[in-house]
Amino acid sequence: MGGNTGVKSKKKIAPPRPGENMPDSHAAAMKHPLLLLLALTFVPVLSAADDEKKSPAPAAEDNTANSLPRVSAGDIEGVKALIGKKAVVFGKVISARAIEKTGITFLDLDGGKFTVVCWKDSYSKFEGGQSPDKIYKGKDIEITGEIFEYKGKTGKGSPQPEIKLTEPSQIKVVTVEKEDPKAGKDKKDPKPADKSGDKKDDPKKVNPKKYFK
């Protein structure tokens, strides 16, 4: 018997071919694998570049003399508190000597408990190639550098705070205003002016007996 048997035939649907039902850009990439490879390579690079622009640059460390702690060479406790740190130490060079045998110059500051050390290989950087003891002896100075402790060759000596001097820019001569010993003393009041000359002479008394006898 002819006619509809009631069984519907199933129509086979072919799978989509590459590039169908895709955005044009994706379809182009599928057709050109080299473009796809380049796209995948540059996306992470661009993302990293964007992140660098967004991230603020780290602040530069401020090691200028104005930002460093300052301490007097005579304040030995204050100096010891800064051991291992960069600081500015100021004071007068009370003793200066260069040891020819070892090629080291020592500048002892106020109190004699703080020393500036300079090796011979740095002498050429200073004025006239001189050793620092000839330049700074008896002068008031400021020295900038890291403070460390020297315990002697055996390591058993009394710790001595020091700064190594390697560049002329580390040290400068300063002018210290000295106090006038006479300042602050009460000045003596000036002697009162003699006003006796301002007074009129008193009229002389007349002796009546002299004129009326």
N, C-alpha and C. Protein backbone atom coordinates (compact mmCIF):
# COMPACT_ATOMS: atom_id res chain seq x y z
N MET A 1 0.85 -1.18 0.00
CA MET A 1 0.00 0.00 0.00
C MET A 1 0.88 1.23 0.00
N GLY A 2 0.47 2.12 -0.82
CA GLY A 2 1.24 3.38 -0.87
C GLY A 2 0.71 4.34 0.15
N GLY A 3 1.29 5.49 0.22
CA GLY A 3 0.82 6.54 1.14
C GLY A 3 1.72 6.71 2.33
N ASN A 4 1.25 7.50 3.27
CA ASN A 4 2.05 7.84 4.47
C ASN A 4 1.98 6.72 5.45
N THR A 5 3.07 6.17 5.80
CA THR A 5 3.13 5.06 6.75
C THR A 5 3.14 5.53 8.18
N GLY A 6 3.25 6.92 8.38
CA GLY A 6 3.28 7.46 9.75
C GLY A 6 4.66 7.53 10.35
N VAL A 7 5.67 7.08 9.66
CA VAL A 7 7.06 7.13 10.15
C VAL A 7 7.76 8.29 9.47
N LYS A 8 8.16 9.24 10.30
CA LYS A 8 8.85 10.41 9.75
C LYS A 8 10.33 10.10 9.58
N SER A 9 10.81 10.48 8.46
CA SER A 9 12.24 10.25 8.20
C SER A 9 13.06 11.34 8.88
N LYS A 10 14.09 10.93 9.49
CA LYS A 10 14.98 11.88 10.17
C LYS A 10 15.97 12.46 9.19
N LYS A 11 16.03 13.83 9.20
CA LYS A 11 16.94 14.50 8.29
C LYS A 11 18.28 14.73 8.99
N LYS A 12 19.29 14.26 8.36
CA LYS A 12 20.62 14.42 8.94
C LYS A 12 21.11 15.85 8.76
N ILE A 13 21.61 16.40 9.88
CA ILE A 13 22.13 17.77 9.84
C ILE A 13 23.66 17.71 9.87
N ALA A 14 24.23 18.25 8.88
CA ALA A 14 25.70 18.24 8.78
C ALA A 14 26.29 19.19 9.82
N PRO A 15 27.43 18.81 10.44
CA PRO A 15 28.08 19.69 11.43
C PRO A 15 28.58 20.97 10.75
N PRO A 16 28.59 22.05 11.48
CA PRO A 16 29.03 23.32 10.87
C PRO A 16 30.48 23.24 10.43
N ARG A 17 30.72 23.83 9.33
CA ARG A 17 32.08 23.87 8.80
C ARG A 17 32.86 24.98 9.53
N PRO A 18 34.15 24.87 9.57
CA PRO A 18 34.94 25.93 10.22
C PRO A 18 34.62 27.29 9.63
N GLY A 19 34.33 28.24 10.52
CA GLY A 19 34.04 29.59 10.07
C GLY A 19 32.57 29.91 10.05
N GLU A 20 31.67 28.87 10.09
CA GLU A 20 30.24 29.13 10.09
C GLU A 20 29.75 29.44 11.51
N ASN A 21 28.76 30.32 11.60
CA ASN A 21 28.17 30.72 12.89
C ASN A 21 29.22 31.30 13.85
N MET A 22 30.23 31.91 13.35
CA MET A 22 31.27 32.53 14.18
C MET A 22 31.42 33.98 13.77
N PRO A 23 31.86 34.81 14.69
CA PRO A 23 32.15 36.19 14.31
C PRO A 23 33.20 36.23 13.22
N ASP A 24 33.13 37.28 12.43
CA ASP A 24 34.05 37.38 11.30
C ASP A 24 35.51 37.31 11.73
N SER A 25 35.81 37.98 12.89
CA SER A 25 37.21 37.98 13.34
C SER A 25 37.68 36.58 13.70
N HIS A 26 36.77 35.79 14.38
CA HIS A 26 37.14 34.42 14.76
C HIS A 26 37.26 33.55 13.54
N ALA A 27 36.35 33.76 12.59
CA ALA A 27 36.40 32.95 11.37
C ALA A 27 37.69 33.21 10.62
N ALA A 28 38.11 34.50 10.60
CA ALA A 28 39.35 34.83 9.90
C ALA A 28 40.54 34.19 10.59
N ALA A 29 40.48 34.17 11.92
CA ALA A 29 41.58 33.58 12.67
C ALA A 29 41.66 32.09 12.43
N MET A 30 40.49 31.44 12.32
CA MET A 30 40.48 30.00 12.07
C MET A 30 41.05 29.67 10.71
N LYS A 31 40.75 30.56 9.76
CA LYS A 31 41.27 30.32 8.41
C LYS A 31 42.75 30.62 8.32
N HIS A 32 43.25 31.48 9.21
CA HIS A 32 44.66 31.86 9.17
C HIS A 32 45.28 31.57 10.55
N PRO A 33 45.79 30.41 10.78
CA PRO A 33 46.36 30.03 12.09
C PRO A 33 47.46 30.98 12.56
N LEU A 34 48.20 31.58 11.60
CA LEU A 34 49.27 32.49 11.98
C LEU A 34 48.72 33.72 12.68
N LEU A 35 47.57 34.24 12.21
CA LEU A 35 46.93 35.39 12.86
C LEU A 35 46.48 35.03 14.26
N LEU A 36 45.96 33.82 14.42
CA LEU A 36 45.52 33.37 15.74
C LEU A 36 46.69 33.30 16.71
N LEU A 37 47.82 32.79 16.22
CA LEU A 37 49.01 32.67 17.07
C LEU A 37 49.52 34.04 17.50
N LEU A 38 49.53 34.99 16.55
CA LEU A 38 49.98 36.34 16.88
C LEU A 38 49.06 37.02 17.89
N ALA A 39 47.77 36.81 17.74
CA ALA A 39 46.80 37.42 18.66
C ALA A 39 46.99 36.90 20.07
N LEU A 40 47.20 35.59 20.19
CA LEU A 40 47.40 35.00 21.52
C LEU A 40 48.72 35.45 22.15
N THR A 41 49.70 35.78 21.31
CA THR A 41 51.02 36.20 21.81
C THR A 41 50.99 37.62 22.33
N PHE A 42 50.32 38.54 21.61
CA PHE A 42 50.36 39.95 21.96
C PHE A 42 49.38 40.33 23.06
N VAL A 43 48.34 39.56 23.29
CA VAL A 43 47.36 39.92 24.33
C VAL A 43 48.01 39.96 25.70
N PRO A 44 48.79 38.93 26.11
CA PRO A 44 49.43 39.01 27.44
C PRO A 44 50.43 40.16 27.53
N VAL A 45 51.15 40.45 26.42
CA VAL A 45 52.14 41.52 26.43
C VAL A 45 51.47 42.86 26.65
N LEU A 46 50.36 43.10 25.97
CA LEU A 46 49.63 44.35 26.14
C LEU A 46 49.07 44.48 27.54
N SER A 47 48.60 43.38 28.10
CA SER A 47 48.05 43.42 29.45
C SER A 47 49.13 43.78 30.46
N ALA A 48 50.31 43.21 30.28
CA ALA A 48 51.42 43.50 31.20
C ALA A 48 51.82 44.97 31.10
N ALA A 49 51.83 45.50 29.85
CA ALA A 49 52.18 46.91 29.67
C ALA A 49 51.18 47.82 30.35
N ASP A 50 49.90 47.46 30.27
CA ASP A 50 48.86 48.26 30.92
C ASP A 50 49.03 48.24 32.43
N ASP A 51 49.40 47.07 32.99
CA ASP A 51 49.59 46.97 34.44
C ASP A 51 50.74 47.84 34.90
N GLU A 52 51.82 47.90 34.07
CA GLU A 52 52.97 48.73 34.45
C GLU A 52 52.60 50.20 34.48
N LYS A 53 51.74 50.61 33.55
CA LYS A 53 51.33 52.01 33.53
C LYS A 53 50.49 52.35 34.75
N LYS A 54 49.68 51.40 35.19
CA LYS A 54 48.80 51.66 36.32
C LYS A 54 49.57 51.66 37.64
N SER A 55 50.62 50.84 37.72
CA SER A 55 51.36 50.73 38.98
C SER A 55 52.27 51.93 39.15
N PRO A 56 52.21 52.63 40.28
CA PRO A 56 53.08 53.79 40.51
C PRO A 56 54.52 53.36 40.68
N ALA A 57 55.44 54.17 40.20
CA ALA A 57 56.86 53.86 40.32
C ALA A 57 57.27 53.97 41.78
N PRO A 58 58.15 53.08 42.27
CA PRO A 58 58.59 53.15 43.67
C PRO A 58 59.34 54.44 43.93
N ALA A 59 59.11 55.02 45.09
CA ALA A 59 59.76 56.29 45.45
C ALA A 59 61.25 56.08 45.64
N ALA A 60 62.04 56.99 45.13
CA ALA A 60 63.49 56.90 45.26
C ALA A 60 63.89 57.15 46.71
N GLU A 61 64.87 56.40 47.17
CA GLU A 61 65.33 56.55 48.55
C GLU A 61 66.07 57.87 48.72
N ASP A 62 65.66 58.62 49.71
CA ASP A 62 66.25 59.94 49.94
C ASP A 62 67.42 59.83 50.90
N ASN A 63 68.65 59.92 50.35
CA ASN A 63 69.84 59.79 51.18
C ASN A 63 70.63 61.09 51.24
N THR A 64 69.96 62.19 50.97
CA THR A 64 70.65 63.46 51.04
C THR A 64 70.97 63.79 52.49
N ALA A 65 71.99 64.63 52.67
CA ALA A 65 72.43 64.97 54.03
C ALA A 65 71.32 65.60 54.84
N ASN A 66 70.44 66.37 54.17
CA ASN A 66 69.36 67.04 54.89
C ASN A 66 68.35 66.08 55.47
N SER A 67 68.24 64.88 54.88
CA SER A 67 67.24 63.92 55.35
C SER A 67 67.81 62.94 56.38
N LEU A 68 69.12 62.96 56.59
CA LEU A 68 69.76 61.99 57.48
C LEU A 68 69.80 62.52 58.91
N PRO A 69 69.84 61.59 59.88
CA PRO A 69 69.97 62.04 61.28
C PRO A 69 71.32 62.70 61.50
N ARG A 70 71.35 63.69 62.40
CA ARG A 70 72.59 64.42 62.72
C ARG A 70 72.92 64.21 64.20
N VAL A 71 74.20 64.08 64.47
CA VAL A 71 74.61 63.86 65.85
C VAL A 71 76.00 64.45 66.05
N SER A 72 76.23 64.98 67.25
CA SER A 72 77.54 65.53 67.59
C SER A 72 78.51 64.39 67.92
N ALA A 73 79.76 64.54 67.49
CA ALA A 73 80.76 63.51 67.78
C ALA A 73 80.98 63.36 69.28
N GLY A 74 80.72 64.43 70.03
CA GLY A 74 80.88 64.37 71.48
C GLY A 74 79.77 63.62 72.18
N ASP A 75 78.64 63.43 71.49
CA ASP A 75 77.51 62.70 72.05
C ASP A 75 77.69 61.23 71.72
N ILE A 76 78.55 60.55 72.47
CA ILE A 76 78.93 59.18 72.13
C ILE A 76 77.75 58.22 72.18
N GLU A 77 76.83 58.44 73.11
CA GLU A 77 75.66 57.56 73.20
C GLU A 77 74.77 57.75 71.97
N GLY A 78 74.64 59.02 71.54
CA GLY A 78 73.85 59.29 70.35
C GLY A 78 74.48 58.68 69.10
N VAL A 79 75.82 58.70 69.05
CA VAL A 79 76.53 58.11 67.92
C VAL A 79 76.32 56.59 67.90
N LYS A 80 76.46 55.95 69.06
CA LYS A 80 76.31 54.49 69.14
C LYS A 80 74.90 54.04 68.76
N ALA A 81 73.92 54.91 69.03
CA ALA A 81 72.53 54.56 68.70
C ALA A 81 72.32 54.51 67.19
N LEU A 82 73.25 55.10 66.43
CA LEU A 82 73.11 55.13 64.97
C LEU A 82 74.07 54.18 64.25
N ILE A 83 74.70 53.28 65.00
CA ILE A 83 75.61 52.31 64.39
C ILE A 83 74.84 51.43 63.40
N GLY A 84 75.42 51.28 62.21
CA GLY A 84 74.76 50.50 61.16
C GLY A 84 73.87 51.34 60.26
N LYS A 85 73.76 52.64 60.58
CA LYS A 85 72.90 53.54 59.80
C LYS A 85 73.74 54.66 59.20
N LYS A 86 73.21 55.26 58.14
CA LYS A 86 73.87 56.40 57.52
C LYS A 86 73.45 57.66 58.26
N ALA A 87 74.40 58.51 58.59
CA ALA A 87 74.12 59.71 59.39
C ALA A 87 75.15 60.79 59.10
N VAL A 88 74.92 61.96 59.69
CA VAL A 88 75.86 63.08 59.61
C VAL A 88 76.41 63.32 61.01
N VAL A 89 77.72 63.24 61.16
CA VAL A 89 78.37 63.47 62.45
C VAL A 89 79.20 64.75 62.32
N PHE A 90 79.07 65.63 63.30
CA PHE A 90 79.79 66.89 63.22
C PHE A 90 80.62 67.12 64.48
N GLY A 91 81.71 67.86 64.32
CA GLY A 91 82.57 68.15 65.46
C GLY A 91 83.90 68.71 64.98
N LYS A 92 84.77 69.03 65.93
CA LYS A 92 86.08 69.58 65.61
C LYS A 92 87.13 68.48 65.58
N VAL A 93 88.02 68.54 64.59
CA VAL A 93 89.10 67.57 64.48
C VAL A 93 90.17 67.94 65.50
N ILE A 94 90.20 67.22 66.60
CA ILE A 94 91.14 67.53 67.67
C ILE A 94 92.48 66.82 67.50
N SER A 95 92.47 65.77 66.65
CA SER A 95 93.71 65.03 66.39
C SER A 95 93.65 64.48 64.97
N ALA A 96 94.76 64.62 64.23
CA ALA A 96 94.82 64.12 62.85
C ALA A 96 96.20 63.53 62.60
N ARG A 97 96.22 62.32 62.06
CA ARG A 97 97.51 61.67 61.81
C ARG A 97 97.40 60.71 60.63
N ALA A 98 98.47 60.62 59.87
CA ALA A 98 98.55 59.69 58.74
C ALA A 98 99.65 58.67 59.05
N ILE A 99 99.31 57.41 59.00
CA ILE A 99 100.28 56.34 59.28
C ILE A 99 100.85 55.87 57.94
N GLU A 100 102.11 56.21 57.68
CA GLU A 100 102.72 55.88 56.40
C GLU A 100 102.82 54.37 56.17
N LYS A 101 103.09 53.63 57.23
CA LYS A 101 103.28 52.19 57.09
C LYS A 101 102.03 51.50 56.61
N THR A 102 100.89 51.90 57.15
CA THR A 102 99.63 51.25 56.78
C THR A 102 98.88 52.03 55.69
N GLY A 103 99.27 53.30 55.50
CA GLY A 103 98.58 54.10 54.49
C GLY A 103 97.17 54.47 54.89
N ILE A 104 96.99 54.78 56.17
CA ILE A 104 95.66 55.14 56.68
C ILE A 104 95.74 56.46 57.43
N THR A 105 94.73 57.31 57.23
CA THR A 105 94.64 58.57 57.95
C THR A 105 93.50 58.48 58.96
N PHE A 106 93.76 59.02 60.17
CA PHE A 106 92.76 59.02 61.23
C PHE A 106 92.47 60.47 61.63
N LEU A 107 91.20 60.81 61.67
CA LEU A 107 90.76 62.12 62.17
C LEU A 107 89.89 61.88 63.39
N ASP A 108 90.39 62.27 64.57
CA ASP A 108 89.63 62.11 65.81
C ASP A 108 88.85 63.38 66.08
N LEU A 109 87.55 63.23 66.33
CA LEU A 109 86.70 64.39 66.57
C LEU A 109 86.47 64.58 68.07
N ASP A 110 85.68 65.60 68.40
CA ASP A 110 85.42 65.99 69.80
C ASP A 110 85.31 64.79 70.72
N GLY A 111 86.05 64.86 71.83
CA GLY A 111 85.99 63.78 72.82
C GLY A 111 86.95 62.65 72.52
N GLY A 112 87.41 62.55 71.28
CA GLY A 112 88.37 61.50 70.91
C GLY A 112 87.78 60.11 70.85
N LYS A 113 86.45 60.00 70.88
CA LYS A 113 85.82 58.68 70.86
C LYS A 113 85.12 58.38 69.53
N PHE A 114 85.28 59.28 68.57
CA PHE A 114 84.74 59.05 67.23
C PHE A 114 85.84 59.38 66.22
N THR A 115 86.02 58.50 65.23
CA THR A 115 87.12 58.64 64.28
C THR A 115 86.64 58.55 62.84
N VAL A 116 87.25 59.39 62.00
CA VAL A 116 87.05 59.30 60.55
C VAL A 116 88.29 58.60 59.98
N VAL A 117 88.07 57.56 59.18
CA VAL A 117 89.17 56.76 58.64
C VAL A 117 89.22 56.89 57.13
N CYS A 118 90.42 57.14 56.60
CA CYS A 118 90.58 57.27 55.15
C CYS A 118 91.81 56.48 54.70
N TRP A 119 91.64 55.64 53.66
CA TRP A 119 92.73 54.83 53.14
C TRP A 119 93.52 55.60 52.07
N LYS A 120 94.77 55.25 51.91
CA LYS A 120 95.69 55.96 51.01
C LYS A 120 95.21 55.97 49.57
N ASP A 121 94.51 54.93 49.13
CA ASP A 121 94.08 54.88 47.73
C ASP A 121 93.01 55.93 47.41
N SER A 122 92.51 56.62 48.45
CA SER A 122 91.53 57.69 48.23
C SER A 122 92.16 59.08 48.28
N TYR A 123 93.44 59.18 48.65
CA TYR A 123 94.08 60.49 48.79
C TYR A 123 94.03 61.31 47.50
N SER A 124 94.18 60.63 46.36
CA SER A 124 94.26 61.34 45.08
C SER A 124 92.98 62.11 44.76
N LYS A 125 91.88 61.79 45.42
CA LYS A 125 90.60 62.46 45.16
C LYS A 125 90.52 63.80 45.88
N PHE A 126 91.40 64.02 46.87
CA PHE A 126 91.35 65.24 47.66
C PHE A 126 92.28 66.31 47.07
N GLU A 127 92.11 67.52 47.56
CA GLU A 127 92.85 68.67 47.04
C GLU A 127 94.36 68.42 47.06
N GLY A 128 94.97 68.53 45.89
CA GLY A 128 96.42 68.35 45.79
C GLY A 128 96.89 66.94 46.07
N GLY A 129 95.97 65.97 46.12
CA GLY A 129 96.35 64.59 46.42
C GLY A 129 96.87 64.41 47.83
N GLN A 130 96.50 65.34 48.72
CA GLN A 130 97.00 65.30 50.09
C GLN A 130 96.19 64.32 50.94
N SER A 131 96.79 63.89 52.01
CA SER A 131 96.05 63.07 52.98
C SER A 131 95.13 64.00 53.77
N PRO A 132 93.96 63.52 54.16
CA PRO A 132 92.99 64.38 54.85
C PRO A 132 93.49 65.01 56.14
N ASP A 133 94.49 64.41 56.79
CA ASP A 133 94.98 64.98 58.04
C ASP A 133 95.60 66.36 57.82
N LYS A 134 96.15 66.60 56.62
CA LYS A 134 96.76 67.89 56.33
C LYS A 134 95.72 68.94 55.95
N ILE A 135 94.55 68.48 55.53
CA ILE A 135 93.51 69.41 55.08
C ILE A 135 92.56 69.81 56.20
N TYR A 136 92.23 68.85 57.08
CA TYR A 136 91.15 69.08 58.04
C TYR A 136 91.60 69.20 59.50
N LYS A 137 92.90 69.13 59.76
CA LYS A 137 93.38 69.21 61.14
C LYS A 137 92.96 70.53 61.79
N GLY A 138 92.34 70.45 62.96
CA GLY A 138 91.95 71.62 63.73
C GLY A 138 90.70 72.32 63.23
N LYS A 139 90.01 71.74 62.22
CA LYS A 139 88.84 72.39 61.64
C LYS A 139 87.54 71.72 62.10
N ASP A 140 86.48 72.51 62.08
CA ASP A 140 85.16 71.98 62.38
C ASP A 140 84.59 71.38 61.10
N ILE A 141 84.17 70.12 61.17
CA ILE A 141 83.72 69.42 59.97
C ILE A 141 82.38 68.73 60.18
N GLU A 142 81.78 68.33 59.08
CA GLU A 142 80.65 67.42 59.05
C GLU A 142 81.03 66.25 58.16
N ILE A 143 80.82 65.03 58.63
CA ILE A 143 81.15 63.84 57.86
C ILE A 143 79.89 63.00 57.69
N THR A 144 79.62 62.59 56.46
CA THR A 144 78.43 61.81 56.15
C THR A 144 78.83 60.39 55.74
N GLY A 145 78.16 59.41 56.29
CA GLY A 145 78.45 58.02 55.94
C GLY A 145 77.82 57.06 56.93
N GLU A 146 78.04 55.78 56.69
CA GLU A 146 77.51 54.75 57.60
C GLU A 146 78.43 54.60 58.81
N ILE A 147 77.84 54.62 59.98
CA ILE A 147 78.62 54.48 61.21
C ILE A 147 78.80 53.00 61.53
N PHE A 148 80.04 52.61 61.78
CA PHE A 148 80.31 51.23 62.16
C PHE A 148 81.24 51.23 63.37
N GLU A 149 81.41 50.05 63.97
CA GLU A 149 82.28 49.91 65.15
C GLU A 149 83.53 49.14 64.78
N TYR A 150 84.67 49.67 65.18
CA TYR A 150 85.94 48.98 64.98
C TYR A 150 86.43 48.48 66.35
N LYS A 151 86.69 47.18 66.44
CA LYS A 151 87.06 46.58 67.71
C LYS A 151 88.53 46.18 67.77
N GLY A 152 89.33 46.74 66.87
CA GLY A 152 90.75 46.40 66.88
C GLY A 152 91.03 45.15 66.06
N LYS A 153 92.29 44.88 65.82
CA LYS A 153 92.69 43.73 65.01
C LYS A 153 92.27 42.41 65.64
N THR A 154 92.33 42.35 66.96
CA THR A 154 91.99 41.09 67.63
C THR A 154 90.49 40.96 67.88
N GLY A 155 89.77 42.07 67.74
CA GLY A 155 88.33 42.03 68.00
C GLY A 155 87.99 42.10 69.47
N LYS A 156 89.01 42.32 70.29
CA LYS A 156 88.79 42.36 71.73
C LYS A 156 88.95 43.76 72.31
N GLY A 157 89.27 44.71 71.45
CA GLY A 157 89.48 46.06 71.95
C GLY A 157 88.17 46.77 72.25
N SER A 158 88.30 47.96 72.79
CA SER A 158 87.12 48.76 73.09
C SER A 158 86.51 49.26 71.77
N PRO A 159 85.22 49.01 71.52
CA PRO A 159 84.61 49.41 70.25
C PRO A 159 84.72 50.91 70.01
N GLN A 160 85.13 51.29 68.81
CA GLN A 160 85.32 52.68 68.45
C GLN A 160 84.41 53.01 67.26
N PRO A 161 83.42 53.92 67.43
CA PRO A 161 82.57 54.29 66.30
C PRO A 161 83.38 55.03 65.24
N GLU A 162 83.19 54.67 63.98
CA GLU A 162 83.94 55.28 62.89
C GLU A 162 83.07 55.46 61.65
N ILE A 163 83.54 56.32 60.75
CA ILE A 163 82.97 56.46 59.42
C ILE A 163 84.13 56.40 58.43
N LYS A 164 83.96 55.63 57.36
CA LYS A 164 85.00 55.53 56.33
C LYS A 164 84.85 56.69 55.35
N LEU A 165 85.94 57.40 55.13
CA LEU A 165 85.96 58.53 54.20
C LEU A 165 86.59 58.07 52.90
N THR A 166 85.78 58.04 51.83
CA THR A 166 86.28 57.59 50.53
C THR A 166 86.13 58.65 49.44
N GLU A 167 85.27 59.66 49.68
CA GLU A 167 85.01 60.70 48.69
C GLU A 167 85.02 62.08 49.36
N PRO A 168 85.56 63.09 48.69
CA PRO A 168 85.54 64.45 49.27
C PRO A 168 84.14 64.96 49.52
N SER A 169 83.15 64.46 48.77
CA SER A 169 81.77 64.91 48.94
C SER A 169 81.19 64.51 50.29
N GLN A 170 81.86 63.58 50.99
CA GLN A 170 81.37 63.12 52.29
C GLN A 170 81.68 64.12 53.42
N ILE A 171 82.66 64.97 53.20
CA ILE A 171 83.16 65.80 54.29
C ILE A 171 83.18 67.27 53.87
N LYS A 172 82.83 68.14 54.79
CA LYS A 172 82.90 69.57 54.51
C LYS A 172 83.25 70.33 55.77
N VAL A 173 83.92 71.45 55.56
CA VAL A 173 84.32 72.32 56.67
C VAL A 173 83.16 73.27 56.95
N VAL A 174 82.83 73.41 58.23
CA VAL A 174 81.73 74.29 58.62
C VAL A 174 82.26 75.40 59.52
N THR A 175 81.53 76.49 59.53
CA THR A 175 81.90 77.62 60.39
C THR A 175 81.04 77.58 61.64
N VAL A 176 81.69 77.54 62.77
CA VAL A 176 80.99 77.48 64.05
C VAL A 176 81.07 78.85 64.70
N GLU A 177 79.92 79.39 65.02
CA GLU A 177 79.89 80.70 65.67
C GLU A 177 80.24 80.53 67.15
N LYS A 178 81.31 81.20 67.55
CA LYS A 178 81.75 81.11 68.94
C LYS A 178 81.05 82.17 69.77
N GLU A 179 80.67 81.77 70.95
CA GLU A 179 79.98 82.70 71.84
C GLU A 179 80.96 83.71 72.42
N ASP A 180 80.54 84.95 72.46
CA ASP A 180 81.36 86.00 73.05
C ASP A 180 81.28 85.89 74.57
N PRO A 181 82.42 85.65 75.24
CA PRO A 181 82.38 85.50 76.70
C PRO A 181 81.83 86.73 77.42
N LYS A 182 81.97 87.87 76.78
CA LYS A 182 81.47 89.09 77.40
C LYS A 182 79.98 89.28 77.19
N ALA A 183 79.45 88.52 76.20
CA ALA A 183 78.02 88.68 75.91
C ALA A 183 77.20 88.13 77.07
N GLY A 184 76.14 88.78 77.38
CA GLY A 184 75.24 88.32 78.43
C GLY A 184 75.54 88.93 79.78
N LYS A 185 76.74 89.47 79.91
CA LYS A 185 77.07 90.10 81.19
C LYS A 185 76.40 91.47 81.27
N ASP A 186 75.96 91.78 82.48
CA ASP A 186 75.32 93.09 82.68
C ASP A 186 76.35 94.19 82.53
N LYS A 187 76.02 95.11 81.68
CA LYS A 187 76.92 96.24 81.52
C LYS A 187 76.77 97.19 82.72
N LYS A 188 77.88 97.76 83.12
CA LYS A 188 77.82 98.68 84.25
C LYS A 188 77.10 99.94 83.82
N ASP A 189 76.29 100.40 84.71
CA ASP A 189 75.57 101.64 84.42
C ASP A 189 76.56 102.78 84.35
N PRO A 190 76.42 103.60 83.37
CA PRO A 190 77.36 104.73 83.26
C PRO A 190 77.20 105.67 84.45
N LYS A 191 78.29 106.35 84.78
CA LYS A 191 78.25 107.27 85.91
C LYS A 191 77.28 108.40 85.61
N PRO A 192 76.50 108.79 86.58
CA PRO A 192 75.56 109.88 86.33
C PRO A 192 76.32 111.15 85.97
N ALA A 193 75.76 111.87 85.06
CA ALA A 193 76.42 113.10 84.62
C ALA A 193 76.46 114.11 85.77
N ASP A 194 77.56 114.85 85.80
CA ASP A 194 77.72 115.87 86.83
C ASP A 194 76.87 117.09 86.46
N LYS A 195 75.85 117.28 87.21
CA LYS A 195 74.91 118.36 86.91
C LYS A 195 75.19 119.63 87.74
N SER A 196 76.31 119.55 88.42
CA SER A 196 76.61 120.70 89.28
C SER A 196 76.78 121.99 88.48
N GLY A 197 77.26 121.81 87.23
CA GLY A 197 77.46 122.99 86.41
C GLY A 197 76.17 123.63 85.97
N ASP A 198 75.07 122.82 86.04
CA ASP A 198 73.78 123.36 85.61
C ASP A 198 73.15 124.28 86.67
N LYS A 199 73.62 124.16 87.93
CA LYS A 199 73.02 124.96 89.00
C LYS A 199 73.57 126.39 88.96
N LYS A 200 72.72 127.30 89.21
CA LYS A 200 73.15 128.70 89.25
C LYS A 200 73.86 128.98 90.57
N ASP A 201 74.88 129.84 90.48
CA ASP A 201 75.64 130.16 91.69
C ASP A 201 74.72 130.86 92.71
N ASP A 202 74.83 130.38 93.92
CA ASP A 202 74.02 131.01 94.98
C ASP A 202 74.54 132.43 95.24
N PRO A 203 73.68 133.38 95.41
CA PRO A 203 74.14 134.78 95.69
C PRO A 203 74.89 134.82 97.01
N LYS A 204 75.99 135.57 96.98
CA LYS A 204 76.78 135.67 98.20
C LYS A 204 76.06 136.53 99.23
N LYS A 205 76.20 136.11 100.45
CA LYS A 205 75.57 136.87 101.53
C LYS A 205 76.42 138.10 101.85
N VAL A 206 75.76 139.17 102.06
CA VAL A 206 76.46 140.45 102.35
C VAL A 206 76.54 140.63 103.87
N ASN A 207 77.76 140.96 104.32
CA ASN A 207 77.94 141.21 105.76
C ASN A 207 77.60 142.70 106.01
N PRO A 208 76.52 142.93 106.67
CA PRO A 208 76.13 144.35 106.88
C PRO A 208 77.14 145.14 107.71
N LYS A 209 77.91 144.49 108.56
CA LYS A 209 78.87 145.20 109.42
C LYS A 209 80.01 145.79 108.60
N LYS A 210 80.25 145.15 107.40
CA LYS A 210 81.35 145.60 106.58
C LYS A 210 81.00 146.95 105.92
N TYR A 211 79.77 147.13 105.58
CA TYR A 211 79.36 148.34 104.87
C TYR A 211 78.70 149.40 105.79
N PHE A 212 78.23 148.95 106.91
CA PHE A 212 77.56 149.91 107.83
C PHE A 212 78.31 149.90 109.16
N LYS A 213 79.25 150.79 109.25
CA LYS A 213 80.03 150.87 110.48
C LYS A 213 79.53 152.02 111.33
